[in-house]
Amino acid sequence: MLEVQQLTIEQNGQRLWDSVSFHVSAGERQGISAPSGYGKTTLGRVLAQWQGATSGRITVDAKPLAKQGYCPIQLVPQHPELTFNPYRSTGDSLRDAWSPTAAWLDRLAISPAWLKRRPDELSGGELARIALLRALDPRTRFLIADEVTAQLDAHIQAQVWHVLLDEVRRRDLGLIVFSHNKALLEKVCSSIWYPQA
């Protein structure tokens, strides 16, 4: 279980989250919907240990997250281009985490040729799929999807969500979905949190 206890996040002198507590069980699909600028992406970054919180505690199975090594909470951000080294191929960045098979590339409609290119040579939708594949490392226990399919056309969106939800069921992954799309959240999540309410 992922537990967030009394988490406070301040950024640039502004308090984005104040003493927030919630939990996500293995296999649970939790949606979070709030307006742009509310701090959802920053919350995801803190949960995935990309940045620190002002105060509070994050645990997985009642244990604090390790300072070093692979984080069991992985974030697929809304702007994946910011998470790739611009001077390396996307394939090299992917293999820093794990080495998926050709079947995995097919499942997410990823062309092997994309992995030979630098991030600036790919579209946002292509990068989003590679970022999702990178986050689906076998060590991942909880996945945060921040508007993860917003840059994809409807056909590819459906394919990506089919794969993602299949992995949630197969591996008992905990899933947190940030989205403005209420219809999507109602379709893919078992519960939805509206923190601004």
Protein backbone atom coordinates (compact mmCIF):
# COMPACT_ATOMS: atom_id res chain seq x y z
CA MET A 1 0.00 0.00 0.00
CA LEU A 2 1.12 3.54 -0.81
CA GLU A 3 0.36 5.86 2.10
CA VAL A 4 0.66 9.65 2.11
CA GLN A 5 0.50 11.17 5.58
CA GLN A 6 0.14 14.88 6.35
CA LEU A 7 1.95 15.89 3.16
CA THR A 8 2.57 19.61 2.71
CA ILE A 9 4.16 20.97 -0.47
CA GLU A 10 5.26 24.57 -0.91
CA GLN A 11 6.77 25.93 -4.11
CA ASN A 12 7.92 29.45 -4.94
CA GLY A 13 6.45 30.71 -1.69
CA GLN A 14 3.03 29.19 -2.41
CA ARG A 15 1.45 26.32 -0.49
CA LEU A 16 0.09 23.90 -3.07
CA TRP A 17 -0.91 21.04 -0.75
CA ASP A 18 -1.57 21.38 2.96
CA SER A 19 -1.44 18.33 5.27
CA VAL A 20 -2.83 15.96 2.63
CA SER A 21 -3.36 12.31 3.57
CA PHE A 22 -4.56 9.47 1.34
CA HIS A 23 -3.65 5.91 0.41
CA VAL A 24 -3.66 3.75 -2.71
CA SER A 25 -3.78 -0.02 -2.42
CA ALA A 26 -2.16 -2.48 -4.79
CA GLY A 27 -4.44 -2.88 -7.80
CA GLU A 28 -6.45 0.24 -6.98
CA ARG A 29 -7.10 2.82 -9.72
CA GLN A 30 -7.36 6.28 -8.12
CA GLY A 31 -8.28 9.31 -10.22
CA ILE A 32 -7.40 12.87 -9.16
CA SER A 33 -9.12 15.77 -10.91
CA ALA A 34 -8.38 19.44 -10.23
CA PRO A 35 -7.98 22.61 -12.32
CA SER A 36 -4.75 23.50 -14.12
CA GLY A 37 -2.25 25.10 -11.76
CA TYR A 38 -3.65 23.30 -8.72
CA GLY A 39 -0.43 21.36 -8.18
CA LYS A 40 -1.23 17.86 -9.45
CA THR A 41 2.01 17.55 -11.38
CA THR A 42 4.02 18.76 -8.39
CA LEU A 43 2.27 16.19 -6.20
CA GLY A 44 3.24 13.50 -8.70
CA ARG A 45 6.85 14.68 -8.71
CA VAL A 46 7.00 14.50 -4.92
CA LEU A 47 5.44 11.02 -4.78
CA ALA A 48 7.96 9.76 -7.36
CA GLN A 49 10.84 11.39 -5.44
CA TRP A 50 11.70 13.83 -8.22
CA GLN A 51 11.56 16.61 -5.64
CA GLY A 52 11.07 16.89 -1.90
CA ALA A 53 8.03 17.84 0.16
CA THR A 54 7.95 20.59 2.77
CA SER A 55 6.75 18.10 5.36
CA GLY A 56 4.90 14.81 5.68
CA ARG A 57 5.58 11.15 5.06
CA ILE A 58 5.31 8.80 2.07
CA THR A 59 5.55 5.04 2.62
CA VAL A 60 5.12 1.86 0.61
CA ASP A 61 4.04 -1.15 2.67
CA ALA A 62 4.67 0.95 5.81
CA LYS A 63 8.33 1.54 4.86
CA PRO A 64 9.80 4.95 3.96
CA LEU A 65 11.06 5.28 0.41
CA ALA A 66 14.78 4.64 0.03
CA LYS A 67 16.93 7.64 -0.82
CA GLN A 68 18.92 5.65 -3.39
CA GLY A 69 18.00 3.11 -6.04
CA TYR A 70 14.88 2.52 -8.09
CA CYS A 71 11.71 4.21 -6.78
CA PRO A 72 8.70 1.85 -6.72
CA ILE A 73 6.48 4.86 -7.52
CA GLN A 74 6.95 5.96 -11.13
CA LEU A 75 5.58 9.11 -12.78
CA VAL A 76 4.71 9.46 -16.45
CA PRO A 77 4.51 13.25 -16.79
CA GLN A 78 2.29 15.38 -18.99
CA HIS A 79 5.39 16.75 -20.75
CA PRO A 80 7.64 13.69 -21.24
CA GLU A 81 10.13 15.65 -23.35
CA LEU A 82 11.41 17.22 -20.13
CA THR A 83 12.41 13.81 -18.72
CA PHE A 84 14.70 12.66 -21.53
CA ASN A 85 18.34 13.59 -21.97
CA PRO A 86 18.32 15.69 -25.17
CA TYR A 87 21.77 14.44 -26.20
CA ARG A 88 21.04 10.71 -25.98
CA SER A 89 18.72 8.45 -27.94
CA THR A 90 15.39 7.63 -26.33
CA GLY A 91 16.39 3.95 -26.48
CA ASP A 92 19.45 4.61 -24.32
CA SER A 93 17.28 6.48 -21.79
CA LEU A 94 14.76 3.63 -21.79
CA ARG A 95 17.47 0.99 -21.24
CA ASP A 96 18.76 2.95 -18.24
CA ALA A 97 15.64 1.62 -16.50
CA TRP A 98 15.03 -1.73 -18.21
CA SER A 99 15.17 -3.50 -21.58
CA PRO A 100 11.68 -4.34 -22.83
CA THR A 101 11.14 -6.92 -25.55
CA ALA A 102 9.97 -6.26 -29.11
CA ALA A 103 6.54 -7.52 -28.04
CA TRP A 104 6.36 -4.66 -25.54
CA LEU A 105 7.08 -2.14 -28.30
CA ASP A 106 4.24 -3.65 -30.35
CA ARG A 107 1.81 -3.46 -27.45
CA LEU A 108 2.31 0.30 -27.14
CA ALA A 109 2.63 0.91 -30.90
CA ILE A 110 6.25 2.05 -30.55
CA SER A 111 8.41 1.84 -33.66
CA PRO A 112 11.92 0.46 -32.97
CA ALA A 113 13.24 3.30 -35.14
CA TRP A 114 12.08 5.83 -32.54
CA LEU A 115 14.52 4.38 -30.02
CA LYS A 116 17.44 5.38 -32.24
CA ARG A 117 16.39 9.04 -32.25
CA ARG A 118 16.90 11.90 -29.84
CA PRO A 119 13.84 13.34 -28.05
CA ASP A 120 13.68 16.42 -30.30
CA GLU A 121 13.30 14.15 -33.31
CA LEU A 122 10.04 12.64 -32.03
CA SER A 123 6.52 13.93 -31.48
CA GLY A 124 5.00 14.42 -28.04
CA GLY A 125 2.78 11.39 -28.54
CA GLU A 126 5.73 9.19 -29.50
CA LEU A 127 7.69 10.34 -26.46
CA ALA A 128 4.67 9.79 -24.20
CA ARG A 129 4.53 6.12 -25.19
CA ILE A 130 8.25 5.61 -24.62
CA ALA A 131 8.00 7.36 -21.23
CA LEU A 132 5.13 5.07 -20.25
CA LEU A 133 7.08 1.98 -21.30
CA ARG A 134 10.07 3.18 -19.26
CA ALA A 135 7.84 3.58 -16.18
CA LEU A 136 6.43 0.06 -16.58
CA ASP A 137 9.74 -1.38 -15.39
CA PRO A 138 9.02 -4.72 -13.65
CA ARG A 139 10.12 -3.15 -10.34
CA THR A 140 7.35 -0.53 -10.43
CA ARG A 141 4.64 -0.96 -7.79
CA PHE A 142 2.65 2.26 -8.25
CA LEU A 143 2.27 4.27 -11.45
CA ILE A 144 1.23 7.93 -11.72
CA ALA A 145 -0.23 8.85 -15.13
CA ASP A 146 -0.34 12.65 -15.52
CA GLU A 147 -2.52 13.36 -18.61
CA VAL A 148 -0.53 10.49 -20.11
CA THR A 149 -2.59 10.07 -23.31
CA ALA A 150 -3.57 13.70 -23.87
CA GLN A 151 -1.21 14.01 -26.87
CA LEU A 152 -2.43 10.85 -28.61
CA ASP A 153 -5.22 10.35 -31.13
CA ALA A 154 -8.32 8.45 -30.02
CA HIS A 155 -7.27 5.09 -31.51
CA ILE A 156 -3.83 5.10 -29.86
CA GLN A 157 -5.33 6.41 -26.58
CA ALA A 158 -7.61 3.39 -26.44
CA GLN A 159 -4.73 1.02 -27.20
CA VAL A 160 -2.48 2.56 -24.53
CA TRP A 161 -5.19 2.45 -21.86
CA HIS A 162 -5.97 -1.16 -22.73
CA VAL A 163 -2.31 -2.09 -22.19
CA LEU A 164 -1.99 -0.02 -19.03
CA LEU A 165 -5.13 -1.40 -17.38
CA ASP A 166 -4.11 -4.93 -18.38
CA GLU A 167 -0.79 -4.40 -16.57
CA VAL A 168 -2.60 -3.00 -13.52
CA ARG A 169 -4.67 -6.18 -13.31
CA ARG A 170 -1.87 -8.59 -14.17
CA ARG A 171 0.73 -7.10 -11.81
CA ASP A 172 -1.63 -5.69 -9.17
CA LEU A 173 -0.19 -2.22 -9.79
CA GLY A 174 -1.55 0.76 -7.94
CA LEU A 175 -2.53 3.46 -10.45
CA ILE A 176 -3.02 7.19 -9.89
CA VAL A 177 -4.46 9.09 -12.85
CA PHE A 178 -4.33 12.89 -13.11
CA SER A 179 -6.74 14.17 -15.78
CA HIS A 180 -9.20 16.94 -16.62
CA ASN A 181 -11.19 14.38 -18.61
CA LYS A 182 -14.00 13.32 -16.27
CA ALA A 183 -15.30 10.71 -18.72
CA LEU A 184 -11.87 9.08 -18.89
CA LEU A 185 -11.49 9.03 -15.10
CA GLU A 186 -14.94 7.47 -14.69
CA LYS A 187 -14.03 4.81 -17.24
CA VAL A 188 -10.57 3.79 -15.99
CA CYS A 189 -10.63 4.55 -12.24
CA SER A 190 -12.31 2.77 -9.35
CA SER A 191 -12.58 6.06 -7.41
CA ILE A 192 -12.04 9.76 -8.13
CA TRP A 193 -10.81 12.47 -5.75
CA TYR A 194 -11.72 16.12 -6.39
CA PRO A 195 -9.38 17.92 -3.94
CA GLN A 196 -10.66 21.40 -4.84
CA ALA A 197 -14.20 20.50 -3.72
